[in-house]
C-alpha cells in the first residue's frame, strides 16, 4: 500500500470527559508503514482536519478540539464520515 493512501471510514465521535476523538479502525503501521508519529490530513463530514494520531496500546485515535466540533455542528455521539491520509512532512 502507498504510504499516503487515503482511508475512508465511518466513526462515532466519542467523548471521555473533555477529551473528544474518533477511533481509528485500522492499524496505521499496516497501511502507511512504521512511523514514530502519524501526522494525518483529511476531512470529517467534508470539513478539513489535520492532526497527529494518538495511541493507547495498539488502538489509535484522532483527537478533536471541542471548538472545532462546535463550529462544525458536530456533537459527541454523531456518526461521521472520515477520510484520512498520512501527511508527508519534509525533514529539516
PDB file of N, CA and C in Angstrom:
ATOM      1  N   UNK A   1       0.834  -1.188   0.000  1.00  0.00           N
ATOM      2  CA  UNK A   1       0.000   0.000   0.000  1.00  0.00           C
ATOM      3  C   UNK A   1       0.872   1.241   0.000  1.00  0.00           C
ATOM      4  N   UNK A   2       0.340   2.328  -0.526  1.00  0.00           N
ATOM      5  CA  UNK A   2       1.060   3.596  -0.573  1.00  0.00           C
ATOM      6  C   UNK A   2       1.172   4.193   0.827  1.00  0.00           C
ATOM      7  N   UNK A   3       2.310   4.869   1.083  1.00  0.00           N
ATOM      8  CA  UNK A   3       2.468   5.476   2.410  1.00  0.00           C
ATOM      9  C   UNK A   3       1.603   6.717   2.591  1.00  0.00           C
ATOM     10  N   UNK A   4       0.891   7.146   1.540  1.00  0.00           N
ATOM     11  CA  UNK A   4      -0.039   8.268   1.671  1.00  0.00           C
ATOM     12  C   UNK A   4      -1.458   7.866   1.263  1.00  0.00           C
ATOM     13  N   UNK A   5      -1.720   6.579   1.200  1.00  0.00           N
ATOM     14  CA  UNK A   5      -3.039   6.098   0.803  1.00  0.00           C
ATOM     15  C   UNK A   5      -4.138   6.710   1.668  1.00  0.00           C
ATOM     16  N   UNK A   6      -5.214   7.142   1.018  1.00  0.00           N
ATOM     17  CA  UNK A   6      -6.348   7.703   1.743  1.00  0.00           C
ATOM     18  C   UNK A   6      -7.272   6.582   2.186  1.00  0.00           C
ATOM     19  N   UNK A   7      -7.700   6.648   3.418  1.00  0.00           N
ATOM     20  CA  UNK A   7      -8.605   5.668   4.002  1.00  0.00           C
ATOM     21  C   UNK A   7      -9.901   6.389   4.361  1.00  0.00           C
ATOM     22  N   UNK A   8     -11.022   5.799   3.978  1.00  0.00           N
ATOM     23  CA  UNK A   8     -12.341   6.355   4.312  1.00  0.00           C
ATOM     24  C   UNK A   8     -13.064   5.362   5.216  1.00  0.00           C
ATOM     25  N   UNK A   9     -13.667   5.878   6.282  1.00  0.00           N
ATOM     26  CA  UNK A   9     -14.401   5.013   7.211  1.00  0.00           C
ATOM     27  C   UNK A   9     -15.467   5.821   7.949  1.00  0.00           C
ATOM     28  N   UNK A  10     -16.417   5.105   8.513  1.00  0.00           N
ATOM     29  CA  UNK A  10     -17.449   5.702   9.360  1.00  0.00           C
ATOM     30  C   UNK A  10     -16.991   5.558  10.806  1.00  0.00           C
ATOM     31  N   UNK A  11     -17.258   6.576  11.608  1.00  0.00           N
ATOM     32  CA  UNK A  11     -16.884   6.539  13.021  1.00  0.00           C
ATOM     33  C   UNK A  11     -17.914   7.307  13.833  1.00  0.00           C
ATOM     34  N   UNK A  12     -17.878   7.097  15.123  1.00  0.00           N
ATOM     35  CA  UNK A  12     -18.722   7.846  16.048  1.00  0.00           C
ATOM     36  C   UNK A  12     -17.809   8.760  16.851  1.00  0.00           C
ATOM     37  N   UNK A  13     -18.173  10.034  16.941  1.00  0.00           N
ATOM     38  CA  UNK A  13     -17.399  10.974  17.753  1.00  0.00           C
ATOM     39  C   UNK A  13     -17.623  10.597  19.214  1.00  0.00           C
ATOM     40  N   UNK A  14     -16.535  10.322  19.898  1.00  0.00           N
ATOM     41  CA  UNK A  14     -16.610   9.882  21.285  1.00  0.00           C
ATOM     42  C   UNK A  14     -16.090  10.967  22.216  1.00  0.00           C
ATOM     43  N   UNK A  15     -16.554  10.913  23.450  1.00  0.00           N
ATOM     44  CA  UNK A  15     -16.099  11.860  24.468  1.00  0.00           C
ATOM     45  C   UNK A  15     -15.816  11.106  25.752  1.00  0.00           C
ATOM     46  N   UNK A  16     -14.690  11.456  26.358  1.00  0.00           N
ATOM     47  CA  UNK A  16     -14.364  10.967  27.699  1.00  0.00           C
ATOM     48  C   UNK A  16     -13.932  12.195  28.486  1.00  0.00           C
ATOM     49  N   UNK A  17     -14.831  12.696  29.301  1.00  0.00           N
ATOM     50  CA  UNK A  17     -14.577  13.955  29.988  1.00  0.00           C
ATOM     51  C   UNK A  17     -14.506  15.070  28.965  1.00  0.00           C
ATOM     52  N   UNK A  18     -13.428  15.841  28.969  1.00  0.00           N
ATOM     53  CA  UNK A  18     -13.227  16.919  27.999  1.00  0.00           C
ATOM     54  C   UNK A  18     -12.363  16.481  26.823  1.00  0.00           C
ATOM     55  N   UNK A  19     -12.252  15.192  26.592  1.00  0.00           N
ATOM     56  CA  UNK A  19     -11.420  14.613  25.539  1.00  0.00           C
ATOM     57  C   UNK A  19     -12.344  14.081  24.448  1.00  0.00           C
ATOM     58  N   UNK A  20     -12.224  14.621  23.229  1.00  0.00           N
ATOM     59  CA  UNK A  20     -13.093  14.237  22.115  1.00  0.00           C
ATOM     60  C   UNK A  20     -12.238  13.597  21.028  1.00  0.00           C
ATOM     61  N   UNK A  21     -12.760  12.533  20.414  1.00  0.00           N
ATOM     62  CA  UNK A  21     -11.944  11.818  19.441  1.00  0.00           C
ATOM     63  C   UNK A  21     -12.792  10.892  18.569  1.00  0.00           C
ATOM     64  N   UNK A  22     -12.167  10.434  17.476  1.00  0.00           N
ATOM     65  CA  UNK A  22     -12.720   9.331  16.701  1.00  0.00           C
ATOM     66  C   UNK A  22     -11.683   8.216  16.739  1.00  0.00           C
ATOM     67  N   UNK A  23     -12.158   6.997  16.935  1.00  0.00           N
ATOM     68  CA  UNK A  23     -11.278   5.830  16.939  1.00  0.00           C
ATOM     69  C   UNK A  23     -10.881   5.505  15.499  1.00  0.00           C
ATOM     70  N   UNK A  24      -9.653   5.086  15.319  1.00  0.00           N
ATOM     71  CA  UNK A  24      -9.135   4.704  14.009  1.00  0.00           C
ATOM     72  C   UNK A  24      -9.299   3.184  13.887  1.00  0.00           C
ATOM     73  N   UNK A  25     -10.111   2.725  12.921  1.00  0.00           N
ATOM     74  CA  UNK A  25     -10.435   1.300  12.846  1.00  0.00           C
ATOM     75  C   UNK A  25      -9.445   0.458  12.031  1.00  0.00           C
ATOM     76  N   UNK A  26      -8.235   0.943  11.870  1.00  0.00           N
ATOM     77  CA  UNK A  26      -7.220   0.192  11.138  1.00  0.00           C
ATOM     78  C   UNK A  26      -5.871   0.424  11.813  1.00  0.00           C
ATOM     79  N   UNK A  27      -4.906  -0.403  11.466  1.00  0.00           N
ATOM     80  CA  UNK A  27      -3.560  -0.271  12.018  1.00  0.00           C
ATOM     81  C   UNK A  27      -2.733   0.618  11.091  1.00  0.00           C
ATOM     82  N   UNK A  28      -2.436   1.864  11.486  1.00  0.00           N
ATOM     83  CA  UNK A  28      -1.661   2.760  10.631  1.00  0.00           C
ATOM     84  C   UNK A  28      -0.344   2.149  10.146  1.00  0.00           C
ATOM     85  N   UNK A  29       0.282   1.363  10.977  1.00  0.00           N
ATOM     86  CA  UNK A  29       1.554   0.735  10.596  1.00  0.00           C
ATOM     87  C   UNK A  29       1.376  -0.169   9.378  1.00  0.00           C
ATOM     88  N   UNK A  30       0.253  -0.889   9.317  1.00  0.00           N
ATOM     89  CA  UNK A  30      -0.010  -1.797   8.200  1.00  0.00           C
ATOM     90  C   UNK A  30      -0.362  -1.033   6.924  1.00  0.00           C
ATOM     91  N   UNK A  31      -0.970   0.140   7.060  1.00  0.00           N
ATOM     92  CA  UNK A  31      -1.390   0.920   5.892  1.00  0.00           C
ATOM     93  C   UNK A  31      -0.282   1.853   5.416  1.00  0.00           C
ATOM     94  N   UNK A  32       0.353   2.577   6.347  1.00  0.00           N
ATOM     95  CA  UNK A  32       1.313   3.616   5.981  1.00  0.00           C
ATOM     96  C   UNK A  32       2.765   3.269   6.331  1.00  0.00           C
ATOM     97  N   UNK A  33       2.982   2.100   6.877  1.00  0.00           N
ATOM     98  CA  UNK A  33       4.333   1.720   7.265  1.00  0.00           C
ATOM     99  C   UNK A  33       4.669   2.225   8.662  1.00  0.00           C
ATOM    100  N   UNK A  34       5.764   1.714   9.196  1.00  0.00           N
ATOM    101  CA  UNK A  34       6.191   2.083  10.552  1.00  0.00           C
ATOM    102  C   UNK A  34       6.662   3.528  10.580  1.00  0.00           C
ATOM    103  N   UNK A  35       6.139   4.299  11.510  1.00  0.00           N
ATOM    104  CA  UNK A  35       6.491   5.709  11.699  1.00  0.00           C
ATOM    105  C   UNK A  35       6.545   5.986  13.198  1.00  0.00           C
ATOM    106  N   UNK A  36       7.416   6.911  13.633  1.00  0.00           N
ATOM    107  CA  UNK A  36       7.408   7.270  15.055  1.00  0.00           C
ATOM    108  C   UNK A  36       6.123   8.009  15.433  1.00  0.00           C
ATOM    109  N   UNK A  37       5.567   8.778  14.484  1.00  0.00           N
ATOM    110  CA  UNK A  37       4.297   9.509  14.669  1.00  0.00           C
ATOM    111  C   UNK A  37       3.554   9.481  13.355  1.00  0.00           C
ATOM    112  N   UNK A  38       2.238   9.470  13.464  1.00  0.00           N
ATOM    113  CA  UNK A  38       1.410   9.524  12.258  1.00  0.00           C
ATOM    114  C   UNK A  38       0.700  10.873  12.202  1.00  0.00           C
ATOM    115  N   UNK A  39       1.228  11.764  11.348  1.00  0.00           N
ATOM    116  CA  UNK A  39       0.585  13.041  11.077  1.00  0.00           C
ATOM    117  C   UNK A  39      -0.420  12.780   9.970  1.00  0.00           C
ATOM    118  N   UNK A  40      -1.655  13.242  10.163  1.00  0.00           N
ATOM    119  CA  UNK A  40      -2.696  12.960   9.175  1.00  0.00           C
ATOM    120  C   UNK A  40      -3.381  14.234   8.720  1.00  0.00           C
ATOM    121  N   UNK A  41      -3.971  14.156   7.546  1.00  0.00           N
ATOM    122  CA  UNK A  41      -4.769  15.235   6.985  1.00  0.00           C
ATOM    123  C   UNK A  41      -5.964  14.600   6.298  1.00  0.00           C
ATOM    124  N   UNK A  42      -7.048  15.349   6.196  1.00  0.00           N
ATOM    125  CA  UNK A  42      -8.237  14.803   5.541  1.00  0.00           C
ATOM    126  C   UNK A  42      -9.475  15.597   5.889  1.00  0.00           C
ATOM    127  N   UNK A  43     -10.597  14.881   5.948  1.00  0.00           N
ATOM    128  CA  UNK A  43     -11.864  15.531   6.261  1.00  0.00           C
ATOM    129  C   UNK A  43     -12.691  14.678   7.213  1.00  0.00           C
ATOM    130  N   UNK A  44     -13.560  15.351   7.930  1.00  0.00           N
ATOM    131  CA  UNK A  44     -14.603  14.702   8.726  1.00  0.00           C
ATOM    132  C   UNK A  44     -15.897  15.371   8.302  1.00  0.00           C
ATOM    133  N   UNK A  45     -16.788  14.582   7.713  1.00  0.00           N
ATOM    134  CA  UNK A  45     -18.039  15.114   7.147  1.00  0.00           C
ATOM    135  C   UNK A  45     -17.758  16.281   6.205  1.00  0.00           C
ATOM    136  N   UNK A  46     -16.673  16.191   5.440  1.00  0.00           N
ATOM    137  CA  UNK A  46     -16.324  17.218   4.464  1.00  0.00           C
ATOM    138  C   UNK A  46     -15.584  18.411   5.035  1.00  0.00           C
ATOM    139  N   UNK A  47     -15.352  18.444   6.336  1.00  0.00           N
ATOM    140  CA  UNK A  47     -14.638  19.541   6.994  1.00  0.00           C
ATOM    141  C   UNK A  47     -13.157  19.184   7.130  1.00  0.00           C
ATOM    142  N   UNK A  48     -12.282  20.090   6.692  1.00  0.00           N
ATOM    143  CA  UNK A  48     -10.846  19.854   6.753  1.00  0.00           C
ATOM    144  C   UNK A  48     -10.390  19.587   8.188  1.00  0.00           C
ATOM    145  N   UNK A  49      -9.492  18.620   8.316  1.00  0.00           N
ATOM    146  CA  UNK A  49      -8.937  18.282   9.624  1.00  0.00           C
ATOM    147  C   UNK A  49      -7.478  17.876   9.436  1.00  0.00           C
ATOM    148  N   UNK A  50      -6.651  18.221  10.425  1.00  0.00           N
ATOM    149  CA  UNK A  50      -5.241  17.828  10.470  1.00  0.00           C
ATOM    150  C   UNK A  50      -4.905  17.494  11.906  1.00  0.00           C
ATOM    151  N   UNK A  51      -4.012  16.562  12.082  1.00  0.00           N
ATOM    152  CA  UNK A  51      -3.623  16.239  13.444  1.00  0.00           C
ATOM    153  C   UNK A  51      -2.611  15.119  13.485  1.00  0.00           C
ATOM    154  N   UNK A  52      -2.350  14.660  14.683  1.00  0.00           N
ATOM    155  CA  UNK A  52      -1.448  13.547  14.931  1.00  0.00           C
ATOM    156  C   UNK A  52      -2.258  12.456  15.606  1.00  0.00           C
ATOM    157  N   UNK A  53      -2.124  11.230  15.122  1.00  0.00           N
ATOM    158  CA  UNK A  53      -2.843  10.134  15.758  1.00  0.00           C
ATOM    159  C   UNK A  53      -2.242   9.855  17.128  1.00  0.00           C
ATOM    160  N   UNK A  54      -3.120   9.640  18.084  1.00  0.00           N
ATOM    161  CA  UNK A  54      -2.702   9.219  19.405  1.00  0.00           C
ATOM    162  C   UNK A  54      -2.833   7.712  19.492  1.00  0.00           C
ATOM    163  N   UNK A  55      -2.145   7.120  20.442  1.00  0.00           N
ATOM    164  CA  UNK A  55      -2.212   5.675  20.608  1.00  0.00           C
ATOM    165  C   UNK A  55      -2.437   5.326  22.072  1.00  0.00           C
ATOM    166  N   UNK A  56      -3.217   4.283  22.257  1.00  0.00           N
ATOM    167  CA  UNK A  56      -3.435   3.715  23.578  1.00  0.00           C
ATOM    168  C   UNK A  56      -3.270   2.211  23.389  1.00  0.00           C
ATOM    169  N   UNK A  57      -2.098   1.714  23.732  1.00  0.00           N
ATOM    170  CA  UNK A  57      -1.777   0.316  23.424  1.00  0.00           C
ATOM    171  C   UNK A  57      -1.665   0.168  21.919  1.00  0.00           C
ATOM    172  N   UNK A  58      -2.463  -0.715  21.355  1.00  0.00           N
ATOM    173  CA  UNK A  58      -2.451  -0.921  19.905  1.00  0.00           C
ATOM    174  C   UNK A  58      -3.600  -0.192  19.214  1.00  0.00           C
ATOM    175  N   UNK A  59      -4.390   0.549  19.969  1.00  0.00           N
ATOM    176  CA  UNK A  59      -5.521   1.299  19.405  1.00  0.00           C
ATOM    177  C   UNK A  59      -5.103   2.737  19.126  1.00  0.00           C
ATOM    178  N   UNK A  60      -5.549   3.250  17.972  1.00  0.00           N
ATOM    179  CA  UNK A  60      -5.235   4.625  17.579  1.00  0.00           C
ATOM    180  C   UNK A  60      -6.501   5.471  17.554  1.00  0.00           C
ATOM    181  N   UNK A  61      -6.327   6.789  17.727  1.00  0.00           N
ATOM    182  CA  UNK A  61      -7.451   7.719  17.707  1.00  0.00           C
ATOM    183  C   UNK A  61      -6.971   9.061  17.176  1.00  0.00           C
ATOM    184  N   UNK A  62      -7.923   9.861  16.715  1.00  0.00           N
ATOM    185  CA  UNK A  62      -7.650  11.234  16.299  1.00  0.00           C
ATOM    186  C   UNK A  62      -8.402  12.140  17.255  1.00  0.00           C
ATOM    187  N   UNK A  63      -7.660  12.923  18.008  1.00  0.00           N
ATOM    188  CA  UNK A  63      -8.274  13.848  18.967  1.00  0.00           C
ATOM    189  C   UNK A  63      -8.867  15.034  18.214  1.00  0.00           C
ATOM    190  N   UNK A  64     -10.029  15.493  18.678  1.00  0.00           N
ATOM    191  CA  UNK A  64     -10.733  16.621  18.070  1.00  0.00           C
ATOM    192  C   UNK A  64     -10.984  17.682  19.129  1.00  0.00           C
ATOM    193  N   UNK A  65     -10.717  18.918  18.796  1.00  0.00           N
ATOM    194  CA  UNK A  65     -10.942  20.020  19.736  1.00  0.00           C
ATOM    195  C   UNK A  65     -12.443  20.297  19.867  1.00  0.00           C
ATOM    196  N   UNK A  66     -12.858  20.617  21.077  1.00  0.00           N
ATOM    197  CA  UNK A  66     -14.264  20.919  21.337  1.00  0.00           C
ATOM    198  C   UNK A  66     -14.748  22.065  20.448  1.00  0.00           C
ATOM    199  N   UNK A  67     -13.922  23.113  20.298  1.00  0.00           N
ATOM    200  CA  UNK A  67     -14.288  24.256  19.463  1.00  0.00           C
ATOM    201  C   UNK A  67     -14.422  23.873  18.001  1.00  0.00           C
ATOM    202  N   UNK A  68     -13.530  22.997  17.519  1.00  0.00           N
ATOM    203  CA  UNK A  68     -13.591  22.531  16.130  1.00  0.00           C
ATOM    204  C   UNK A  68     -14.923  21.816  15.898  1.00  0.00           C
ATOM    205  N   UNK A  69     -15.298  20.971  16.827  1.00  0.00           N
ATOM    206  CA  UNK A  69     -16.574  20.251  16.709  1.00  0.00           C
ATOM    207  C   UNK A  69     -17.757  21.224  16.743  1.00  0.00           C
ATOM    208  N   UNK A  70     -17.760  22.134  17.709  1.00  0.00           N
ATOM    209  CA  UNK A  70     -18.856  23.087  17.872  1.00  0.00           C
ATOM    210  C   UNK A  70     -19.038  23.939  16.616  1.00  0.00           C
ATOM    211  N   UNK A  71     -17.942  24.449  16.056  1.00  0.00           N
ATOM    212  CA  UNK A  71     -18.006  25.298  14.860  1.00  0.00           C
ATOM    213  C   UNK A  71     -18.582  24.566  13.649  1.00  0.00           C
ATOM    214  N   UNK A  72     -18.496  23.253  13.660  1.00  0.00           N
ATOM    215  CA  UNK A  72     -18.987  22.464  12.532  1.00  0.00           C
ATOM    216  C   UNK A  72     -20.304  21.760  12.834  1.00  0.00           C
ATOM    217  N   UNK A  73     -20.861  22.019  14.001  1.00  0.00           N
ATOM    218  CA  UNK A  73     -22.149  21.443  14.366  1.00  0.00           C
ATOM    219  C   UNK A  73     -22.106  19.941  14.593  1.00  0.00           C
ATOM    220  N   UNK A  74     -20.954  19.436  15.013  1.00  0.00           N
ATOM    221  CA  UNK A  74     -20.798  18.005  15.269  1.00  0.00           C
ATOM    222  C   UNK A  74     -20.745  17.792  16.773  1.00  0.00           C
ATOM    223  N   UNK A  75     -21.561  16.882  17.279  1.00  0.00           N
ATOM    224  CA  UNK A  75     -21.610  16.620  18.711  1.00  0.00           C
ATOM    225  C   UNK A  75     -21.144  15.207  19.024  1.00  0.00           C
ATOM    226  N   UNK A  76     -20.682  14.980  20.258  1.00  0.00           N
ATOM    227  CA  UNK A  76     -20.341  13.613  20.655  1.00  0.00           C
ATOM    228  C   UNK A  76     -21.537  12.688  20.412  1.00  0.00           C
ATOM    229  N   UNK A  77     -21.233  11.510  19.924  1.00  0.00           N
ATOM    230  CA  UNK A  77     -22.284  10.545  19.600  1.00  0.00           C
ATOM    231  C   UNK A  77     -22.688  10.574  18.138  1.00  0.00           C
ATOM    232  N   UNK A  78     -22.262  11.628  17.414  1.00  0.00           N
ATOM    233  CA  UNK A  78     -22.607  11.748  15.991  1.00  0.00           C
ATOM    234  C   UNK A  78     -21.808  10.742  15.175  1.00  0.00           C
ATOM    235  N   UNK A  79     -22.487  10.126  14.202  1.00  0.00           N
ATOM    236  CA  UNK A  79     -21.796   9.249  13.256  1.00  0.00           C
ATOM    237  C   UNK A  79     -21.268  10.132  12.136  1.00  0.00           C
ATOM    238  N   UNK A  80     -19.980   9.989  11.818  1.00  0.00           N
ATOM    239  CA  UNK A  80     -19.334  10.850  10.828  1.00  0.00           C
ATOM    240  C   UNK A  80     -18.585  10.001   9.796  1.00  0.00           C
ATOM    241  N   UNK A  81     -18.354  10.618   8.632  1.00  0.00           N
ATOM    242  CA  UNK A  81     -17.529  10.006   7.600  1.00  0.00           C
ATOM    243  C   UNK A  81     -16.155  10.648   7.669  1.00  0.00           C
ATOM    244  N   UNK A  82     -15.138   9.813   7.826  1.00  0.00           N
ATOM    245  CA  UNK A  82     -13.763  10.282   7.998  1.00  0.00           C
ATOM    246  C   UNK A  82     -12.941   9.838   6.793  1.00  0.00           C
ATOM    247  N   UNK A  83     -12.198  10.768   6.220  1.00  0.00           N
ATOM    248  CA  UNK A  83     -11.244  10.468   5.149  1.00  0.00           C
ATOM    249  C   UNK A  83      -9.884  10.954   5.620  1.00  0.00           C
ATOM    250  N   UNK A  84      -8.935  10.048   5.751  1.00  0.00           N
ATOM    251  CA  UNK A  84      -7.609  10.417   6.240  1.00  0.00           C
ATOM    252  C   UNK A  84      -6.514   9.861   5.350  1.00  0.00           C
ATOM    253  N   UNK A  85      -5.436  10.614   5.244  1.00  0.00           N
ATOM    254  CA  UNK A  85      -4.215  10.119   4.629  1.00  0.00           C
ATOM    255  C   UNK A  85      -3.059  10.617   5.480  1.00  0.00           C
ATOM    256  N   UNK A  86      -1.928   9.922   5.364  1.00  0.00           N
ATOM    257  CA  UNK A  86      -0.754  10.336   6.132  1.00  0.00           C
ATOM    258  C   UNK A  86      -0.198  11.593   5.497  1.00  0.00           C
ATOM    259  N   UNK A  87       0.075  12.579   6.334  1.00  0.00           N
ATOM    260  CA  UNK A  87       0.658  13.828   5.858  1.00  0.00           C
ATOM    261  C   UNK A  87       2.168  13.656   5.812  1.00  0.00           C
ATOM    262  N   UNK A  88       2.733  13.830   4.638  1.00  0.00           N
ATOM    263  CA  UNK A  88       4.175  13.693   4.480  1.00  0.00           C
ATOM    264  C   UNK A  88       4.825  15.022   4.856  1.00  0.00           C
ATOM    265  N   UNK A  89       5.747  14.953   5.782  1.00  0.00           N
ATOM    266  CA  UNK A  89       6.452  16.155   6.226  1.00  0.00           C
ATOM    267  C   UNK A  89       7.900  16.059   5.805  1.00  0.00           C
ATOM    268  N   UNK A  90       8.403  17.154   5.316  1.00  0.00           N
ATOM    269  CA  UNK A  90       9.811  17.206   4.896  1.00  0.00           C
ATOM    270  C   UNK A  90      10.708  17.337   6.111  1.00  0.00           C
ATOM    271  N   UNK A  91      11.750  16.549   6.142  1.00  0.00           N
ATOM    272  CA  UNK A  91      12.737  16.651   7.217  1.00  0.00           C
ATOM    273  C   UNK A  91      13.572  17.911   7.025  1.00  0.00           C
ATOM    274  N   UNK A  92      13.857  18.607   8.106  1.00  0.00           N
ATOM    275  CA  UNK A  92      14.654  19.844   8.020  1.00  0.00           C
ATOM    276  C   UNK A  92      15.971  19.664   8.707  1.00  0.00           C
TER     277      UNK A  92
END
